[in-house]
Amino acid sequence: MQSGTATPFGFLGKIDAVIGRVEVWILSWGIILMAANTIANVFGRYVFNQSIYFSEELNEFLIVIVTFMGLGYATRKGIHIRMSAIYDALPIKARKGLMVIIAATTSLVMAVLAWYALEYVQKVASRGRITPALQLPLYLTYVWVVIGLALTSFQYLLTAIRNLNFAEEEVYVSYLEIDSYEDPETAAAIRRHEESENSEEAKL
């Protein structure tokens, strides 16, 4: 499913925009560092016959960051997987109401998971465990789980709030993304085809 994008507005729109920029920055650098670390490790192993001792551990740390920050990003962009057979058969108003219920419930579930994850992180931190290679506190790895789940909960809450405005005809799958099945590339191809046909008919 692809979605159209609405214009951000108000205080919540500004918060959402800031979160989006932070998520993109973290995800971008996380992936870049993973790629650089992997390439450097392969290069060191086959050229200098010496692997980077912390390479695997660093990649595991970065995977956790990218996975859970990506969860919030996917929710913010409305590109998460949805089962929508019943939803699609409903009229607009009913779909908006159902989206409010779905988003609010998911937000609550994500918040509960974030709370339990926070409790686990606190237990790990209290034990003072460190990672074998980098010798960093182990809880620094798991804290990203808490952050990712909390941001996802917040994004679903924003989605529920945005759909409370029943005066709007659009249904939002996130705070800014409008529910739509139109794929941008397919739509552009269809427009080009229609323009070509109109041009040929005009020549005739």
N, C-alpha and C. Protein backbone atom coordinates (compact mmCIF):
# COMPACT_ATOMS: atom_id res chain seq x y z
N MET A 1 0.84 -1.19 0.00
CA MET A 1 0.00 0.00 0.00
C MET A 1 0.87 1.24 0.00
N GLN A 2 0.49 2.23 -0.77
CA GLN A 2 1.16 3.51 -0.77
C GLN A 2 0.21 4.56 -0.23
N SER A 3 0.76 5.62 0.31
CA SER A 3 -0.08 6.63 0.91
C SER A 3 0.30 8.00 0.40
N GLY A 4 -0.71 8.89 0.31
CA GLY A 4 -0.41 10.27 0.03
C GLY A 4 0.06 10.95 1.29
N THR A 5 0.64 12.13 1.15
CA THR A 5 1.18 12.83 2.31
C THR A 5 0.48 14.15 2.49
N ALA A 6 0.04 14.42 3.71
CA ALA A 6 -0.62 15.68 4.03
C ALA A 6 0.42 16.68 4.53
N THR A 7 0.01 17.92 4.65
CA THR A 7 0.89 18.96 5.14
C THR A 7 0.87 19.00 6.67
N PRO A 8 2.06 19.02 7.32
CA PRO A 8 2.08 19.05 8.77
C PRO A 8 1.51 20.36 9.30
N PHE A 9 0.88 20.31 10.45
CA PHE A 9 0.33 21.53 11.02
C PHE A 9 0.34 21.44 12.54
N GLY A 10 0.33 22.61 13.20
CA GLY A 10 0.20 22.68 14.65
C GLY A 10 1.42 22.17 15.41
N PHE A 11 1.26 22.17 16.71
CA PHE A 11 2.34 21.77 17.61
C PHE A 11 2.72 20.30 17.42
N LEU A 12 1.72 19.43 17.27
CA LEU A 12 1.99 18.01 17.06
C LEU A 12 2.73 17.78 15.75
N GLY A 13 2.39 18.58 14.75
CA GLY A 13 3.08 18.47 13.46
C GLY A 13 4.54 18.81 13.58
N LYS A 14 4.87 19.82 14.40
CA LYS A 14 6.27 20.21 14.60
C LYS A 14 7.03 19.11 15.34
N ILE A 15 6.39 18.53 16.37
CA ILE A 15 7.03 17.44 17.11
C ILE A 15 7.29 16.26 16.18
N ASP A 16 6.29 15.93 15.37
CA ASP A 16 6.41 14.82 14.44
C ASP A 16 7.54 15.06 13.45
N ALA A 17 7.67 16.30 12.98
CA ALA A 17 8.73 16.64 12.02
C ALA A 17 10.12 16.48 12.65
N VAL A 18 10.26 16.93 13.90
CA VAL A 18 11.54 16.81 14.61
C VAL A 18 11.90 15.34 14.81
N ILE A 19 10.92 14.56 15.25
CA ILE A 19 11.15 13.12 15.45
C ILE A 19 11.56 12.46 14.14
N GLY A 20 10.89 12.86 13.06
CA GLY A 20 11.21 12.29 11.75
C GLY A 20 12.64 12.56 11.34
N ARG A 21 13.12 13.79 11.57
CA ARG A 21 14.50 14.14 11.21
C ARG A 21 15.50 13.34 12.04
N VAL A 22 15.20 13.18 13.34
CA VAL A 22 16.09 12.41 14.22
C VAL A 22 16.12 10.95 13.79
N GLU A 23 14.96 10.39 13.49
CA GLU A 23 14.88 8.98 13.05
C GLU A 23 15.69 8.77 11.77
N VAL A 24 15.51 9.65 10.80
CA VAL A 24 16.23 9.52 9.53
C VAL A 24 17.74 9.60 9.77
N TRP A 25 18.17 10.53 10.63
CA TRP A 25 19.60 10.69 10.92
C TRP A 25 20.17 9.43 11.56
N ILE A 26 19.47 8.91 12.56
CA ILE A 26 19.95 7.70 13.26
C ILE A 26 19.95 6.50 12.33
N LEU A 27 18.87 6.31 11.56
CA LEU A 27 18.80 5.18 10.64
C LEU A 27 19.86 5.27 9.55
N SER A 28 20.05 6.45 9.01
CA SER A 28 21.04 6.64 7.95
C SER A 28 22.45 6.29 8.43
N TRP A 29 22.82 6.88 9.57
CA TRP A 29 24.16 6.64 10.08
C TRP A 29 24.32 5.22 10.60
N GLY A 30 23.25 4.63 11.12
CA GLY A 30 23.31 3.24 11.56
C GLY A 30 23.64 2.30 10.41
N ILE A 31 22.96 2.51 9.28
CA ILE A 31 23.19 1.66 8.11
C ILE A 31 24.56 1.92 7.51
N ILE A 32 24.95 3.20 7.44
CA ILE A 32 26.28 3.54 6.91
C ILE A 32 27.38 2.91 7.76
N LEU A 33 27.26 3.00 9.08
CA LEU A 33 28.26 2.43 9.97
C LEU A 33 28.31 0.91 9.86
N MET A 34 27.13 0.27 9.73
CA MET A 34 27.11 -1.18 9.55
C MET A 34 27.85 -1.59 8.27
N ALA A 35 27.58 -0.87 7.19
CA ALA A 35 28.23 -1.17 5.92
C ALA A 35 29.74 -0.95 6.02
N ALA A 36 30.15 0.20 6.58
CA ALA A 36 31.57 0.51 6.71
C ALA A 36 32.28 -0.50 7.60
N ASN A 37 31.64 -0.87 8.70
CA ASN A 37 32.23 -1.83 9.63
C ASN A 37 32.40 -3.20 8.98
N THR A 38 31.39 -3.64 8.24
CA THR A 38 31.46 -4.94 7.57
C THR A 38 32.53 -4.96 6.50
N ILE A 39 32.58 -3.91 5.68
CA ILE A 39 33.59 -3.81 4.61
C ILE A 39 34.99 -3.78 5.21
N ALA A 40 35.17 -2.98 6.27
CA ALA A 40 36.48 -2.88 6.90
C ALA A 40 36.92 -4.22 7.49
N ASN A 41 35.97 -4.95 8.06
CA ASN A 41 36.29 -6.25 8.66
C ASN A 41 36.70 -7.26 7.58
N VAL A 42 35.96 -7.27 6.47
CA VAL A 42 36.30 -8.18 5.36
C VAL A 42 37.66 -7.81 4.77
N PHE A 43 37.88 -6.53 4.60
CA PHE A 43 39.15 -6.04 4.05
C PHE A 43 40.31 -6.44 4.97
N GLY A 44 40.12 -6.24 6.26
CA GLY A 44 41.18 -6.59 7.22
C GLY A 44 41.44 -8.09 7.25
N ARG A 45 40.38 -8.88 7.14
CA ARG A 45 40.53 -10.34 7.21
C ARG A 45 41.29 -10.89 6.01
N TYR A 46 40.97 -10.40 4.80
CA TYR A 46 41.54 -10.99 3.60
C TYR A 46 42.82 -10.29 3.13
N VAL A 47 43.02 -9.05 3.55
CA VAL A 47 44.22 -8.32 3.13
C VAL A 47 45.31 -8.41 4.19
N PHE A 48 44.92 -8.15 5.46
CA PHE A 48 45.91 -8.16 6.54
C PHE A 48 45.84 -9.42 7.42
N ASN A 49 44.91 -10.32 7.04
CA ASN A 49 44.74 -11.57 7.80
C ASN A 49 44.44 -11.29 9.28
N GLN A 50 43.70 -10.21 9.50
CA GLN A 50 43.38 -9.83 10.88
C GLN A 50 41.99 -9.19 10.91
N SER A 51 41.04 -9.84 11.54
CA SER A 51 39.69 -9.28 11.66
C SER A 51 39.64 -8.20 12.73
N ILE A 52 38.64 -7.35 12.63
CA ILE A 52 38.40 -6.35 13.68
C ILE A 52 37.70 -7.06 14.83
N TYR A 53 38.29 -7.06 15.99
CA TYR A 53 37.81 -7.89 17.09
C TYR A 53 36.41 -7.53 17.58
N PHE A 54 36.01 -6.27 17.38
CA PHE A 54 34.69 -5.85 17.88
C PHE A 54 33.66 -5.72 16.77
N SER A 55 34.00 -6.13 15.55
CA SER A 55 33.13 -5.91 14.39
C SER A 55 31.76 -6.56 14.56
N GLU A 56 31.73 -7.83 14.95
CA GLU A 56 30.46 -8.53 15.10
C GLU A 56 29.59 -7.91 16.19
N GLU A 57 30.22 -7.57 17.28
CA GLU A 57 29.47 -6.97 18.40
C GLU A 57 28.91 -5.61 18.02
N LEU A 58 29.68 -4.82 17.29
CA LEU A 58 29.22 -3.50 16.86
C LEU A 58 28.05 -3.63 15.90
N ASN A 59 28.13 -4.58 14.98
CA ASN A 59 27.02 -4.79 14.05
C ASN A 59 25.75 -5.23 14.77
N GLU A 60 25.89 -6.08 15.78
CA GLU A 60 24.72 -6.50 16.55
C GLU A 60 24.07 -5.30 17.24
N PHE A 61 24.89 -4.42 17.78
CA PHE A 61 24.41 -3.20 18.43
C PHE A 61 23.68 -2.31 17.42
N LEU A 62 24.27 -2.15 16.23
CA LEU A 62 23.68 -1.30 15.20
C LEU A 62 22.38 -1.90 14.65
N ILE A 63 22.33 -3.23 14.56
CA ILE A 63 21.10 -3.89 14.08
C ILE A 63 19.94 -3.62 15.02
N VAL A 64 20.20 -3.66 16.32
CA VAL A 64 19.15 -3.36 17.30
C VAL A 64 18.65 -1.92 17.12
N ILE A 65 19.59 -1.00 16.93
CA ILE A 65 19.22 0.41 16.75
C ILE A 65 18.38 0.58 15.49
N VAL A 66 18.86 0.05 14.36
CA VAL A 66 18.16 0.21 13.08
C VAL A 66 16.78 -0.46 13.12
N THR A 67 16.71 -1.64 13.73
CA THR A 67 15.44 -2.37 13.79
C THR A 67 14.38 -1.59 14.55
N PHE A 68 14.71 -1.14 15.75
CA PHE A 68 13.68 -0.52 16.59
C PHE A 68 13.45 0.95 16.26
N MET A 69 14.46 1.66 15.76
CA MET A 69 14.20 3.00 15.26
C MET A 69 13.44 2.92 13.95
N GLY A 70 13.70 1.87 13.18
CA GLY A 70 12.97 1.67 11.93
C GLY A 70 11.51 1.36 12.16
N LEU A 71 11.20 0.75 13.31
CA LEU A 71 9.81 0.45 13.65
C LEU A 71 9.00 1.74 13.77
N GLY A 72 9.56 2.72 14.46
CA GLY A 72 8.89 4.01 14.59
C GLY A 72 8.80 4.74 13.26
N TYR A 73 9.88 4.64 12.47
CA TYR A 73 9.91 5.31 11.16
C TYR A 73 8.86 4.72 10.22
N ALA A 74 8.76 3.38 10.20
CA ALA A 74 7.77 2.73 9.34
C ALA A 74 6.35 3.13 9.74
N THR A 75 6.11 3.24 11.04
CA THR A 75 4.79 3.67 11.53
C THR A 75 4.52 5.11 11.13
N ARG A 76 5.52 5.95 11.24
CA ARG A 76 5.37 7.36 10.89
C ARG A 76 5.07 7.54 9.41
N LYS A 77 5.65 6.66 8.56
CA LYS A 77 5.43 6.75 7.12
C LYS A 77 4.20 5.96 6.67
N GLY A 78 3.60 5.21 7.59
CA GLY A 78 2.41 4.44 7.24
C GLY A 78 2.70 3.29 6.29
N ILE A 79 3.91 2.71 6.38
CA ILE A 79 4.29 1.64 5.46
C ILE A 79 4.34 0.28 6.17
N HIS A 80 3.79 0.22 7.37
CA HIS A 80 3.72 -1.05 8.08
C HIS A 80 2.65 -1.94 7.44
N ILE A 81 2.79 -3.24 7.63
CA ILE A 81 1.84 -4.21 7.05
C ILE A 81 0.51 -4.12 7.78
N ARG A 82 -0.59 -4.11 7.00
CA ARG A 82 -1.92 -4.08 7.61
C ARG A 82 -2.82 -5.10 6.93
N MET A 83 -3.66 -5.75 7.70
CA MET A 83 -4.69 -6.64 7.16
C MET A 83 -5.97 -5.81 7.04
N SER A 84 -6.40 -5.54 5.82
CA SER A 84 -7.44 -4.53 5.64
C SER A 84 -8.65 -4.99 4.84
N ALA A 85 -8.90 -6.29 4.79
CA ALA A 85 -10.02 -6.79 3.99
C ALA A 85 -11.36 -6.23 4.48
N ILE A 86 -11.63 -6.35 5.79
CA ILE A 86 -12.88 -5.82 6.36
C ILE A 86 -12.87 -4.30 6.33
N TYR A 87 -11.72 -3.72 6.69
CA TYR A 87 -11.55 -2.27 6.73
C TYR A 87 -11.88 -1.63 5.38
N ASP A 88 -11.39 -2.23 4.29
CA ASP A 88 -11.59 -1.66 2.96
C ASP A 88 -13.05 -1.70 2.52
N ALA A 89 -13.83 -2.60 3.09
CA ALA A 89 -15.23 -2.73 2.69
C ALA A 89 -16.14 -1.71 3.38
N LEU A 90 -15.59 -0.99 4.35
CA LEU A 90 -16.40 -0.04 5.12
C LEU A 90 -16.45 1.33 4.46
N PRO A 91 -17.48 2.13 4.75
CA PRO A 91 -17.52 3.52 4.27
C PRO A 91 -16.47 4.36 4.99
N ILE A 92 -16.22 5.56 4.47
CA ILE A 92 -15.14 6.42 4.97
C ILE A 92 -15.25 6.67 6.48
N LYS A 93 -16.42 7.09 6.95
CA LYS A 93 -16.60 7.42 8.37
C LYS A 93 -16.30 6.22 9.25
N ALA A 94 -16.78 5.06 8.82
CA ALA A 94 -16.54 3.84 9.61
C ALA A 94 -15.06 3.49 9.61
N ARG A 95 -14.40 3.73 8.47
CA ARG A 95 -12.96 3.45 8.39
C ARG A 95 -12.17 4.37 9.32
N LYS A 96 -12.58 5.63 9.36
CA LYS A 96 -11.90 6.56 10.28
C LYS A 96 -12.09 6.12 11.73
N GLY A 97 -13.31 5.73 12.07
CA GLY A 97 -13.57 5.28 13.43
C GLY A 97 -12.78 4.03 13.77
N LEU A 98 -12.73 3.10 12.82
CA LEU A 98 -11.97 1.86 13.04
C LEU A 98 -10.48 2.16 13.16
N MET A 99 -10.00 3.12 12.35
CA MET A 99 -8.58 3.48 12.42
C MET A 99 -8.23 4.09 13.77
N VAL A 100 -9.15 4.87 14.34
CA VAL A 100 -8.94 5.44 15.67
C VAL A 100 -8.78 4.31 16.70
N ILE A 101 -9.68 3.33 16.62
CA ILE A 101 -9.64 2.20 17.57
C ILE A 101 -8.36 1.39 17.40
N ILE A 102 -8.00 1.09 16.15
CA ILE A 102 -6.80 0.30 15.86
C ILE A 102 -5.55 1.03 16.33
N ALA A 103 -5.45 2.31 15.97
CA ALA A 103 -4.25 3.08 16.33
C ALA A 103 -4.13 3.27 17.83
N ALA A 104 -5.24 3.57 18.49
CA ALA A 104 -5.21 3.78 19.95
C ALA A 104 -4.84 2.49 20.67
N THR A 105 -5.42 1.36 20.22
CA THR A 105 -5.11 0.07 20.84
C THR A 105 -3.65 -0.31 20.64
N THR A 106 -3.15 -0.12 19.42
CA THR A 106 -1.75 -0.44 19.13
C THR A 106 -0.82 0.47 19.91
N SER A 107 -1.19 1.73 20.04
CA SER A 107 -0.39 2.66 20.84
C SER A 107 -0.28 2.19 22.28
N LEU A 108 -1.39 1.73 22.83
CA LEU A 108 -1.40 1.23 24.21
C LEU A 108 -0.52 -0.02 24.34
N VAL A 109 -0.63 -0.94 23.38
CA VAL A 109 0.18 -2.16 23.40
C VAL A 109 1.67 -1.82 23.33
N MET A 110 2.04 -0.91 22.44
CA MET A 110 3.44 -0.51 22.30
C MET A 110 3.95 0.16 23.58
N ALA A 111 3.08 0.95 24.23
CA ALA A 111 3.46 1.62 25.47
C ALA A 111 3.71 0.60 26.58
N VAL A 112 2.86 -0.43 26.65
CA VAL A 112 3.04 -1.48 27.66
C VAL A 112 4.34 -2.24 27.40
N LEU A 113 4.60 -2.57 26.14
CA LEU A 113 5.85 -3.25 25.79
C LEU A 113 7.06 -2.38 26.13
N ALA A 114 6.95 -1.09 25.88
CA ALA A 114 8.05 -0.17 26.20
C ALA A 114 8.30 -0.14 27.72
N TRP A 115 7.21 -0.20 28.49
CA TRP A 115 7.33 -0.19 29.95
C TRP A 115 8.05 -1.45 30.45
N TYR A 116 7.64 -2.61 29.93
CA TYR A 116 8.30 -3.86 30.32
C TYR A 116 9.76 -3.88 29.87
N ALA A 117 10.01 -3.34 28.68
CA ALA A 117 11.38 -3.27 28.18
C ALA A 117 12.23 -2.36 29.08
N LEU A 118 11.63 -1.26 29.55
CA LEU A 118 12.35 -0.36 30.45
C LEU A 118 12.70 -1.06 31.76
N GLU A 119 11.77 -1.84 32.27
CA GLU A 119 12.04 -2.59 33.50
C GLU A 119 13.20 -3.56 33.30
N TYR A 120 13.22 -4.21 32.13
CA TYR A 120 14.30 -5.15 31.84
C TYR A 120 15.64 -4.42 31.73
N VAL A 121 15.64 -3.26 31.06
CA VAL A 121 16.87 -2.47 30.93
C VAL A 121 17.39 -2.06 32.31
N GLN A 122 16.48 -1.67 33.20
CA GLN A 122 16.88 -1.28 34.55
C GLN A 122 17.52 -2.45 35.30
N LYS A 123 16.99 -3.66 35.10
CA LYS A 123 17.56 -4.85 35.74
C LYS A 123 18.97 -5.12 35.22
N VAL A 124 19.12 -5.02 33.89
CA VAL A 124 20.43 -5.26 33.27
C VAL A 124 21.44 -4.21 33.76
N ALA A 125 20.99 -2.96 33.84
CA ALA A 125 21.87 -1.88 34.28
C ALA A 125 22.30 -2.08 35.74
N SER A 126 21.37 -2.55 36.57
CA SER A 126 21.68 -2.75 38.00
C SER A 126 22.70 -3.86 38.22
N ARG A 127 22.78 -4.79 37.28
CA ARG A 127 23.74 -5.90 37.41
C ARG A 127 25.13 -5.51 36.92
N GLY A 128 25.24 -4.39 36.24
CA GLY A 128 26.54 -3.89 35.81
C GLY A 128 27.22 -4.72 34.74
N ARG A 129 26.45 -5.46 33.94
CA ARG A 129 27.04 -6.29 32.90
C ARG A 129 27.58 -5.43 31.76
N ILE A 130 28.68 -5.89 31.16
CA ILE A 130 29.30 -5.17 30.04
C ILE A 130 29.46 -6.11 28.85
N THR A 131 29.63 -5.54 27.69
CA THR A 131 29.79 -6.34 26.47
C THR A 131 31.22 -6.89 26.42
N PRO A 132 31.41 -8.07 25.82
CA PRO A 132 32.73 -8.71 25.83
C PRO A 132 33.82 -7.94 25.09
N ALA A 133 33.52 -7.42 23.91
CA ALA A 133 34.54 -6.81 23.07
C ALA A 133 34.72 -5.31 23.34
N LEU A 134 33.65 -4.56 23.24
CA LEU A 134 33.72 -3.11 23.39
C LEU A 134 33.78 -2.66 24.84
N GLN A 135 33.43 -3.58 25.76
CA GLN A 135 33.45 -3.27 27.20
C GLN A 135 32.52 -2.10 27.54
N LEU A 136 31.37 -2.07 26.86
CA LEU A 136 30.36 -1.06 27.13
C LEU A 136 29.25 -1.66 28.00
N PRO A 137 28.58 -0.83 28.79
CA PRO A 137 27.44 -1.35 29.57
C PRO A 137 26.42 -2.01 28.66
N LEU A 138 26.00 -3.22 28.99
CA LEU A 138 25.10 -3.98 28.14
C LEU A 138 23.74 -3.32 27.97
N TYR A 139 23.31 -2.55 28.97
CA TYR A 139 21.98 -1.93 28.89
C TYR A 139 21.90 -0.92 27.76
N LEU A 140 23.05 -0.38 27.31
CA LEU A 140 23.04 0.59 26.21
C LEU A 140 22.53 -0.04 24.92
N THR A 141 22.68 -1.36 24.80
CA THR A 141 22.13 -2.05 23.64
C THR A 141 20.61 -2.12 23.71
N TYR A 142 20.11 -2.48 24.89
CA TYR A 142 18.66 -2.71 25.05
C TYR A 142 17.86 -1.42 25.20
N VAL A 143 18.50 -0.34 25.54
CA VAL A 143 17.75 0.91 25.74
C VAL A 143 17.10 1.37 24.44
N TRP A 144 17.69 0.96 23.30
CA TRP A 144 17.12 1.34 22.01
C TRP A 144 15.79 0.63 21.75
N VAL A 145 15.60 -0.50 22.38
CA VAL A 145 14.31 -1.19 22.29
C VAL A 145 13.23 -0.33 22.94
N VAL A 146 13.55 0.23 24.09
CA VAL A 146 12.61 1.10 24.81
C VAL A 146 12.29 2.33 23.98
N ILE A 147 13.33 2.96 23.44
CA ILE A 147 13.14 4.19 22.65
C ILE A 147 12.28 3.90 21.41
N GLY A 148 12.60 2.80 20.71
CA GLY A 148 11.86 2.46 19.50
C GLY A 148 10.40 2.16 19.77
N LEU A 149 10.12 1.39 20.82
CA LEU A 149 8.74 1.07 21.16
C LEU A 149 7.98 2.30 21.63
N ALA A 150 8.65 3.18 22.38
CA ALA A 150 8.00 4.41 22.85
C ALA A 150 7.65 5.33 21.69
N LEU A 151 8.58 5.46 20.73
CA LEU A 151 8.30 6.30 19.55
C LEU A 151 7.19 5.71 18.70
N THR A 152 7.15 4.39 18.59
CA THR A 152 6.08 3.73 17.84
C THR A 152 4.73 3.97 18.50
N SER A 153 4.71 3.87 19.83
CA SER A 153 3.48 4.15 20.58
C SER A 153 3.02 5.58 20.34
N PHE A 154 3.97 6.50 20.35
CA PHE A 154 3.64 7.92 20.12
C PHE A 154 3.09 8.14 18.72
N GLN A 155 3.68 7.47 17.73
CA GLN A 155 3.21 7.63 16.35
C GLN A 155 1.79 7.09 16.17
N TYR A 156 1.49 5.97 16.80
CA TYR A 156 0.13 5.43 16.71
C TYR A 156 -0.87 6.34 17.44
N LEU A 157 -0.41 6.95 18.53
CA LEU A 157 -1.27 7.90 19.24
C LEU A 157 -1.59 9.10 18.35
N LEU A 158 -0.57 9.60 17.64
CA LEU A 158 -0.78 10.71 16.70
C LEU A 158 -1.76 10.31 15.61
N THR A 159 -1.66 9.08 15.15
CA THR A 159 -2.58 8.59 14.11
C THR A 159 -4.02 8.60 14.61
N ALA A 160 -4.21 8.13 15.83
CA ALA A 160 -5.56 8.11 16.42
C ALA A 160 -6.10 9.53 16.56
N ILE A 161 -5.26 10.45 17.03
CA ILE A 161 -5.68 11.85 17.21
C ILE A 161 -6.05 12.47 15.87
N ARG A 162 -5.23 12.21 14.84
CA ARG A 162 -5.48 12.82 13.53
C ARG A 162 -6.81 12.35 12.94
N ASN A 163 -7.16 11.11 13.17
CA ASN A 163 -8.40 10.57 12.60
C ASN A 163 -9.64 10.92 13.41
N LEU A 164 -9.47 11.60 14.53
CA LEU A 164 -10.63 12.03 15.33
C LEU A 164 -11.41 13.15 14.64
N ASN A 165 -10.77 13.80 13.68
CA ASN A 165 -11.45 14.86 12.94
C ASN A 165 -12.30 14.24 11.82
N PHE A 166 -13.56 13.96 12.13
CA PHE A 166 -14.44 13.31 11.16
C PHE A 166 -14.96 14.27 10.10
N ALA A 167 -14.61 15.57 10.22
CA ALA A 167 -14.98 16.52 9.18
C ALA A 167 -14.12 16.32 7.94
N GLU A 168 -12.92 15.76 8.12
CA GLU A 168 -12.04 15.47 7.00
C GLU A 168 -12.47 14.15 6.34
N GLU A 169 -12.42 14.11 5.03
CA GLU A 169 -12.81 12.90 4.32
C GLU A 169 -11.69 11.86 4.30
N GLU A 170 -10.43 12.33 4.42
CA GLU A 170 -9.31 11.41 4.32
C GLU A 170 -9.15 10.58 5.59
N VAL A 171 -8.71 9.34 5.39
CA VAL A 171 -8.33 8.47 6.50
C VAL A 171 -6.82 8.47 6.55
N TYR A 172 -6.26 8.66 7.73
CA TYR A 172 -4.81 8.74 7.87
C TYR A 172 -4.26 7.45 8.47
N VAL A 173 -3.21 6.90 7.83
CA VAL A 173 -2.56 5.71 8.36
C VAL A 173 -1.41 6.10 9.30
N SER A 174 -1.08 7.38 9.33
CA SER A 174 -0.16 7.95 10.31
C SER A 174 -0.55 9.42 10.44
N TYR A 175 0.22 10.19 11.17
CA TYR A 175 -0.18 11.58 11.39
C TYR A 175 -0.23 12.38 10.09
N LEU A 176 0.63 12.04 9.12
CA LEU A 176 0.67 12.79 7.87
C LEU A 176 0.30 11.98 6.64
N GLU A 177 0.40 10.66 6.72
CA GLU A 177 0.19 9.82 5.54
C GLU A 177 -1.28 9.47 5.36
N ILE A 178 -1.82 9.84 4.18
CA ILE A 178 -3.21 9.58 3.86
C ILE A 178 -3.35 8.19 3.28
N ASP A 179 -4.36 7.46 3.72
CA ASP A 179 -4.60 6.11 3.24
C ASP A 179 -4.97 6.15 1.76
N SER A 180 -4.18 5.46 0.95
CA SER A 180 -4.43 5.43 -0.49
C SER A 180 -3.77 4.21 -1.08
N TYR A 181 -4.38 3.64 -2.11
CA TYR A 181 -3.82 2.48 -2.79
C TYR A 181 -3.09 2.87 -4.06
N GLU A 182 -2.99 4.15 -4.31
CA GLU A 182 -2.36 4.58 -5.54
C GLU A 182 -0.84 4.58 -5.40
N ASP A 183 -0.18 3.77 -6.21
CA ASP A 183 1.27 3.74 -6.23
C ASP A 183 1.76 4.90 -7.11
N PRO A 184 2.67 5.75 -6.62
CA PRO A 184 3.10 6.92 -7.38
C PRO A 184 3.66 6.57 -8.76
N GLU A 185 4.46 5.51 -8.87
CA GLU A 185 5.05 5.14 -10.15
C GLU A 185 3.98 4.63 -11.12
N THR A 186 3.05 3.82 -10.59
CA THR A 186 1.96 3.32 -11.43
C THR A 186 1.07 4.46 -11.90
N ALA A 187 0.77 5.38 -10.98
CA ALA A 187 -0.07 6.52 -11.33
C ALA A 187 0.58 7.38 -12.41
N ALA A 188 1.91 7.57 -12.30
CA ALA A 188 2.63 8.37 -13.30
C ALA A 188 2.61 7.67 -14.66
N ALA A 189 2.75 6.34 -14.66
CA ALA A 189 2.72 5.58 -15.91
C ALA A 189 1.34 5.67 -16.57
N ILE A 190 0.32 5.58 -15.73
CA ILE A 190 -1.06 5.69 -16.26
C ILE A 190 -1.29 7.07 -16.86
N ARG A 191 -0.82 8.11 -16.16
CA ARG A 191 -0.98 9.47 -16.68
C ARG A 191 -0.27 9.65 -18.02
N ARG A 192 0.95 9.10 -18.12
CA ARG A 192 1.70 9.21 -19.38
C ARG A 192 0.96 8.49 -20.52
N HIS A 193 0.41 7.32 -20.18
CA HIS A 193 -0.33 6.56 -21.19
C HIS A 193 -1.57 7.33 -21.65
N GLU A 194 -2.29 7.91 -20.70
CA GLU A 194 -3.49 8.67 -21.03
C GLU A 194 -3.14 9.90 -21.86
N GLU A 195 -2.04 10.57 -21.51
CA GLU A 195 -1.61 11.75 -22.27
C GLU A 195 -1.22 11.37 -23.68
N SER A 196 -0.57 10.21 -23.81
CA SER A 196 -0.17 9.73 -25.14
C SER A 196 -1.40 9.42 -25.99
N GLU A 197 -2.40 8.78 -25.40
CA GLU A 197 -3.63 8.46 -26.13
C GLU A 197 -4.36 9.74 -26.55
N ASN A 198 -4.42 10.71 -25.62
CA ASN A 198 -5.09 11.98 -25.94
C ASN A 198 -4.38 12.72 -27.06
N SER A 199 -3.04 12.62 -27.04
CA SER A 199 -2.25 13.28 -28.07
C SER A 199 -2.50 12.66 -29.43
N GLU A 200 -2.58 11.32 -29.47
CA GLU A 200 -2.85 10.61 -30.73
C GLU A 200 -4.26 10.93 -31.25
N GLU A 201 -5.21 11.00 -30.33
CA GLU A 201 -6.59 11.32 -30.74
C GLU A 201 -6.67 12.74 -31.27
N ALA A 202 -5.90 13.65 -30.68
CA ALA A 202 -5.90 15.04 -31.14
C ALA A 202 -5.33 15.15 -32.56
N LYS A 203 -4.32 14.29 -32.86
CA LYS A 203 -3.71 14.32 -34.19
C LYS A 203 -4.70 13.81 -35.24
N LEU A 204 -5.53 12.83 -34.84
CA LEU A 204 -6.52 12.28 -35.76
C LEU A 204 -7.64 13.29 -36.02
